[in-house]
C-alpha atoms as a PDB file:
ATOM      1  CA  MET A   1     -10.719  26.639 -41.569  1.00  0.00           C
ATOM      2  CA  SER A   2     -13.397  27.926 -39.213  1.00  0.00           C
ATOM      3  CA  LEU A   3     -13.153  27.698 -35.430  1.00  0.00           C
ATOM      4  CA  GLU A   4     -16.229  25.456 -35.227  1.00  0.00           C
ATOM      5  CA  ARG A   5     -14.584  22.940 -37.512  1.00  0.00           C
ATOM      6  CA  VAL A   6     -11.322  23.039 -35.567  1.00  0.00           C
ATOM      7  CA  PHE A   7     -13.162  22.417 -32.303  1.00  0.00           C
ATOM      8  CA  THR A   8     -15.200  19.554 -33.758  1.00  0.00           C
ATOM      9  CA  ASP A   9     -12.102  17.910 -35.273  1.00  0.00           C
ATOM     10  CA  LEU A  10     -10.157  17.850 -32.028  1.00  0.00           C
ATOM     11  CA  PRO A  11      -8.947  14.340 -31.227  1.00  0.00           C
ATOM     12  CA  ASP A  12     -10.634  12.289 -28.550  1.00  0.00           C
ATOM     13  CA  PRO A  13      -8.846  13.015 -25.243  1.00  0.00           C
ATOM     14  CA  GLY A  14      -9.037   9.325 -24.343  1.00  0.00           C
ATOM     15  CA  ALA A  15      -7.129   8.366 -27.501  1.00  0.00           C
ATOM     16  CA  HIS A  16      -3.787   9.614 -26.213  1.00  0.00           C
ATOM     17  CA  THR A  17      -2.043  10.518 -22.995  1.00  0.00           C
ATOM     18  CA  PHE A  18      -0.490  13.794 -22.037  1.00  0.00           C
ATOM     19  CA  PRO A  19       2.965  13.932 -20.470  1.00  0.00           C
ATOM     20  CA  GLU A  20       2.915  14.571 -16.763  1.00  0.00           C
ATOM     21  CA  TYR A  21       4.203  18.031 -15.980  1.00  0.00           C
ATOM     22  CA  SER A  22       3.915  17.846 -12.230  1.00  0.00           C
ATOM     23  CA  LEU A  23       7.252  18.445 -10.557  1.00  0.00           C
ATOM     24  CA  PRO A  24       7.007  16.625  -7.250  1.00  0.00           C
ATOM     25  CA  ARG A  25       8.398  13.128  -7.435  1.00  0.00           C
ATOM     26  CA  GLY A  26       9.320  11.569  -4.154  1.00  0.00           C
ATOM     27  CA  ASP A  27       8.537   8.821  -1.717  1.00  0.00           C
ATOM     28  CA  PRO A  28       4.818   8.510  -0.923  1.00  0.00           C
ATOM     29  CA  VAL A  29       4.321   8.251   2.827  1.00  0.00           C
ATOM     30  CA  VAL A  30       1.442   8.420   5.262  1.00  0.00           C
ATOM     31  CA  PRO A  31       2.289  10.196   8.518  1.00  0.00           C
ATOM     32  CA  ILE A  32       0.540   8.626  11.503  1.00  0.00           C
ATOM     33  CA  ALA A  33       0.818   9.124  15.242  1.00  0.00           C
ATOM     34  CA  VAL A  34       2.081   6.124  17.194  1.00  0.00           C
ATOM     35  CA  THR A  35       2.915   5.766  20.865  1.00  0.00           C
ATOM     36  CA  ARG A  36       5.757   3.721  22.293  1.00  0.00           C
ATOM     37  CA  GLU A  37       3.165   1.648  24.187  1.00  0.00           C
ATOM     38  CA  GLU A  38       1.297   0.801  20.978  1.00  0.00           C
ATOM     39  CA  LEU A  39       4.515  -0.164  19.280  1.00  0.00           C
ATOM     40  CA  SER A  40       5.559  -2.453  22.127  1.00  0.00           C
ATOM     41  CA  THR A  41       2.067  -4.022  22.140  1.00  0.00           C
ATOM     42  CA  VAL A  42       2.329  -4.787  18.416  1.00  0.00           C
ATOM     43  CA  LEU A  43       5.853  -6.107  18.999  1.00  0.00           C
ATOM     44  CA  GLY A  44       4.436  -8.516  21.589  1.00  0.00           C
ATOM     45  CA  LEU A  45       1.824  -9.640  19.061  1.00  0.00           C
ATOM     46  CA  TYR A  46       4.580 -10.142  16.514  1.00  0.00           C
ATOM     47  CA  GLU A  47       6.534 -12.332  18.945  1.00  0.00           C
ATOM     48  CA  THR A  48       3.427 -14.476  19.493  1.00  0.00           C
ATOM     49  CA  PHE A  49       2.786 -14.582  15.745  1.00  0.00           C
ATOM     50  CA  ARG A  50       6.377 -15.570  15.005  1.00  0.00           C
ATOM     51  CA  THR A  51       6.234 -18.660  17.217  1.00  0.00           C
ATOM     52  CA  VAL A  52       3.379 -20.123  15.160  1.00  0.00           C
ATOM     53  CA  ASP A  53       4.364 -22.783  12.626  1.00  0.00           C
ATOM     54  CA  PRO A  54       1.522 -22.968  10.080  1.00  0.00           C
ATOM     55  CA  THR A  55       3.370 -25.493   7.901  1.00  0.00           C
ATOM     56  CA  GLY A  56       3.941 -27.988  10.702  1.00  0.00           C
ATOM     57  CA  LEU A  57       7.615 -28.388   9.761  1.00  0.00           C
ATOM     58  CA  ASP A  58       8.878 -27.733  13.262  1.00  0.00           C
ATOM     59  CA  SER A  59       6.459 -30.069  15.003  1.00  0.00           C
ATOM     60  CA  ASN A  60       6.285 -32.918  12.466  1.00  0.00           C
ATOM     61  CA  PRO A  61       9.575 -34.817  12.028  1.00  0.00           C
ATOM     62  CA  VAL A  62       8.242 -36.829   9.057  1.00  0.00           C
ATOM     63  CA  LEU A  63       7.300 -33.663   7.169  1.00  0.00           C
ATOM     64  CA  GLU A  64      10.643 -32.113   8.100  1.00  0.00           C
ATOM     65  CA  ALA A  65      12.513 -35.175   6.759  1.00  0.00           C
ATOM     66  CA  ALA A  66      10.490 -35.216   3.528  1.00  0.00           C
ATOM     67  CA  THR A  67      11.109 -31.522   2.940  1.00  0.00           C
ATOM     68  CA  THR A  68      14.833 -31.900   3.623  1.00  0.00           C
ATOM     69  CA  TYR A  69      14.981 -34.892   1.240  1.00  0.00           C
ATOM     70  CA  MET A  70      13.236 -32.893  -1.532  1.00  0.00           C
ATOM     71  CA  GLU A  71      15.579 -30.002  -0.931  1.00  0.00           C
ATOM     72  CA  ARG A  72      18.725 -32.141  -1.177  1.00  0.00           C
ATOM     73  CA  THR A  73      17.586 -34.415  -4.000  1.00  0.00           C
ATOM     74  CA  PHE A  74      15.946 -31.983  -6.373  1.00  0.00           C
ATOM     75  CA  GLY A  75      17.518 -28.734  -5.275  1.00  0.00           C
ATOM     76  CA  VAL A  76      14.135 -27.295  -4.395  1.00  0.00           C
ATOM     77  CA  PRO A  77      14.717 -24.481  -1.933  1.00  0.00           C
ATOM     78  CA  ARG A  78      12.697 -24.501   1.220  1.00  0.00           C
ATOM     79  CA  TYR A  79      10.429 -21.506   0.901  1.00  0.00           C
ATOM     80  CA  ARG A  80       7.976 -20.487   3.544  1.00  0.00           C
ATOM     81  CA  PRO A  81       5.875 -17.409   2.804  1.00  0.00           C
ATOM     82  CA  ASP A  82       5.286 -16.889   6.518  1.00  0.00           C
ATOM     83  CA  GLU A  83       9.021 -16.279   6.999  1.00  0.00           C
ATOM     84  CA  GLN A  84       8.952 -13.494   4.395  1.00  0.00           C
ATOM     85  CA  LEU A  85       5.961 -11.924   6.145  1.00  0.00           C
ATOM     86  CA  GLN A  86       7.782 -12.163   9.467  1.00  0.00           C
ATOM     87  CA  ASP A  87      10.770 -10.366   7.946  1.00  0.00           C
ATOM     88  CA  ASP A  88       8.466  -7.669   6.536  1.00  0.00           C
ATOM     89  CA  ILE A  89       6.765  -7.173   9.910  1.00  0.00           C
ATOM     90  CA  ALA A  90      10.129  -6.955  11.682  1.00  0.00           C
ATOM     91  CA  SER A  91      11.253  -4.360   9.126  1.00  0.00           C
ATOM     92  CA  LEU A  92       8.037  -2.360   9.657  1.00  0.00           C
ATOM     93  CA  LEU A  93       8.461  -2.395  13.439  1.00  0.00           C
ATOM     94  CA  ASN A  94      12.107  -1.343  13.120  1.00  0.00           C
ATOM     95  CA  ASP A  95      11.175   1.517  10.783  1.00  0.00           C
ATOM     96  CA  PHE A  96       8.444   2.730  13.121  1.00  0.00           C
ATOM     97  CA  SER A  97      10.751   2.426  16.121  1.00  0.00           C
ATOM     98  CA  ASP A  98      13.479   4.391  14.319  1.00  0.00           C
ATOM     99  CA  ASP A  99      10.985   7.130  13.387  1.00  0.00           C
ATOM    100  CA  LEU A 100       9.672   7.258  16.940  1.00  0.00           C
ATOM    101  CA  GLY A 101      13.156   7.411  18.459  1.00  0.00           C
ATOM    102  CA  GLY A 102      13.168   7.563  22.233  1.00  0.00           C
ATOM    103  CA  ARG A 103       9.927   9.543  22.468  1.00  0.00           C
ATOM    104  CA  THR A 104       6.755   8.147  24.020  1.00  0.00           C
ATOM    105  CA  LEU A 105       4.609   9.652  21.237  1.00  0.00           C
ATOM    106  CA  GLY A 106       5.573  10.637  17.734  1.00  0.00           C
ATOM    107  CA  VAL A 107       4.753  10.647  14.046  1.00  0.00           C
ATOM    108  CA  VAL A 108       5.972   7.788  11.908  1.00  0.00           C
ATOM    109  CA  ASP A 109       5.985   7.629   8.127  1.00  0.00           C
ATOM    110  CA  ALA A 110       4.112   4.604   6.829  1.00  0.00           C
ATOM    111  CA  THR A 111       4.990   3.708   3.249  1.00  0.00           C
ATOM    112  CA  PRO A 112       2.790   1.716   0.841  1.00  0.00           C
ATOM    113  CA  THR A 113       4.917  -1.327   1.754  1.00  0.00           C
ATOM    114  CA  HIS A 114       4.125  -0.758   5.431  1.00  0.00           C
ATOM    115  CA  HIS A 115       0.432  -0.478   4.577  1.00  0.00           C
ATOM    116  CA  ARG A 116       0.533  -3.791   2.721  1.00  0.00           C
ATOM    117  CA  THR A 117       2.479  -5.452   5.548  1.00  0.00           C
ATOM    118  CA  LEU A 118      -0.021  -4.249   8.161  1.00  0.00           C
ATOM    119  CA  TYR A 119      -2.857  -5.628   6.042  1.00  0.00           C
ATOM    120  CA  PHE A 120      -1.209  -9.038   5.630  1.00  0.00           C
ATOM    121  CA  PHE A 121      -0.296  -9.102   9.317  1.00  0.00           C
ATOM    122  CA  LEU A 122      -3.940  -8.576  10.252  1.00  0.00           C
ATOM    123  CA  LEU A 123      -5.119 -11.081   7.643  1.00  0.00           C
ATOM    124  CA  SER A 124      -2.619 -13.707   8.789  1.00  0.00           C
ATOM    125  CA  CYS A 125      -3.559 -13.194  12.438  1.00  0.00           C
ATOM    126  CA  ARG A 126      -7.189 -13.813  11.502  1.00  0.00           C
ATOM    127  CA  GLY A 127      -6.240 -16.877   9.449  1.00  0.00           C
ATOM    128  CA  TYR A 128      -4.087 -18.357  12.205  1.00  0.00           C
ATOM    129  CA  TYR A 129      -6.771 -17.727  14.782  1.00  0.00           C
ATOM    130  CA  ASN A 130      -9.521 -19.353  12.686  1.00  0.00           C
ATOM    131  CA  ALA A 131      -7.482 -22.357  11.531  1.00  0.00           C
ATOM    132  CA  PRO A 132      -8.405 -25.409  13.592  1.00  0.00           C
ATOM    133  CA  HIS A 133      -4.958 -27.042  13.314  1.00  0.00           C
ATOM    134  CA  ILE A 134      -2.980 -23.970  14.421  1.00  0.00           C
ATOM    135  CA  ARG A 135      -2.787 -22.905  18.033  1.00  0.00           C
ATOM    136  CA  PHE A 136      -2.736 -19.132  17.965  1.00  0.00           C
ATOM    137  CA  ASP A 137      -4.300 -17.293  20.857  1.00  0.00           C
ATOM    138  CA  PRO A 138      -3.219 -13.651  20.583  1.00  0.00           C
ATOM    139  CA  ASP A 139      -3.952 -10.933  23.083  1.00  0.00           C
ATOM    140  CA  GLU A 140      -7.208  -9.294  22.030  1.00  0.00           C
ATOM    141  CA  GLY A 141      -5.948  -5.831  22.935  1.00  0.00           C
ATOM    142  CA  ALA A 142      -2.833  -6.319  20.803  1.00  0.00           C
ATOM    143  CA  VAL A 143      -4.898  -7.238  17.752  1.00  0.00           C
ATOM    144  CA  GLU A 144      -7.141  -4.221  18.360  1.00  0.00           C
ATOM    145  CA  THR A 145      -4.050  -1.991  18.588  1.00  0.00           C
ATOM    146  CA  LEU A 146      -2.734  -3.405  15.314  1.00  0.00           C
ATOM    147  CA  TYR A 147      -6.116  -2.751  13.690  1.00  0.00           C
ATOM    148  CA  GLU A 148      -6.187   0.828  15.018  1.00  0.00           C
ATOM    149  CA  ILE A 149      -2.745   1.503  13.548  1.00  0.00           C
ATOM    150  CA  TYR A 150      -3.898   0.000  10.241  1.00  0.00           C
ATOM    151  CA  GLU A 151      -7.006   2.215  10.266  1.00  0.00           C
ATOM    152  CA  ARG A 152      -4.868   5.305  10.862  1.00  0.00           C
ATOM    153  CA  VAL A 153      -2.833   4.461   7.782  1.00  0.00           C
ATOM    154  CA  THR A 154      -5.904   3.931   5.601  1.00  0.00           C
ATOM    155  CA  GLU A 155      -7.658   7.095   6.802  1.00  0.00           C
ATOM    156  CA  GLN A 156      -4.671   9.409   6.351  1.00  0.00           C
ATOM    157  CA  ASP A 157      -3.762  11.256   3.156  1.00  0.00           C
ATOM    158  CA  VAL A 158      -0.537  10.432   1.339  1.00  0.00           C
ATOM    159  CA  TYR A 159       2.123  13.078   0.901  1.00  0.00           C
ATOM    160  CA  LEU A 160       5.475  13.041  -0.851  1.00  0.00           C
ATOM    161  CA  LYS A 161       8.583  12.870   1.267  1.00  0.00           C
ATOM    162  CA  ASN A 162      11.728  14.293  -0.317  1.00  0.00           C
ATOM    163  CA  PRO A 163       9.999  15.603  -3.474  1.00  0.00           C
ATOM    164  CA  ALA A 164      12.176  16.511  -6.439  1.00  0.00           C
ATOM    165  CA  SER A 165      12.626  20.181  -7.122  1.00  0.00           C
ATOM    166  CA  VAL A 166      12.857  22.106 -10.380  1.00  0.00           C
ATOM    167  CA  PHE A 167      16.636  22.077 -10.156  1.00  0.00           C
ATOM    168  CA  GLU A 168      17.027  18.290  -9.923  1.00  0.00           C
END
């Protein structure tokens, strides 16, 4: 068989996948600089955000009674997506605070989960602010700080933390 024929009979590279031989497998993180002041500003925004009740359960006794009745009668659990987001934001702030330690300025490792949480935090702040039935009047500087932290995460390159070695 001639070389020309071998080269023309090679399979289409898109028809199969090659195994990945790269060694580093670890946790993808984005290192960003954060100050203690920025973190406390975002924490203040979180406290304001947490007091908002977008479902109206806390302020409407009829809706609260109907939800409790549905929960008891049909076993439907009371699920509020805003509570899950609040837990995610609290986890993000705790992670950043732990990375920062007692320093006034430091580098924190933002994970893809942190990136998603920052995005949904910003999106929810915008939604709460624009909704006519929700009273949410956040500090403008706090929202700008949150957006700046989000931009730092999106503009930074990802690196692997704790990559696997050849011996693992």
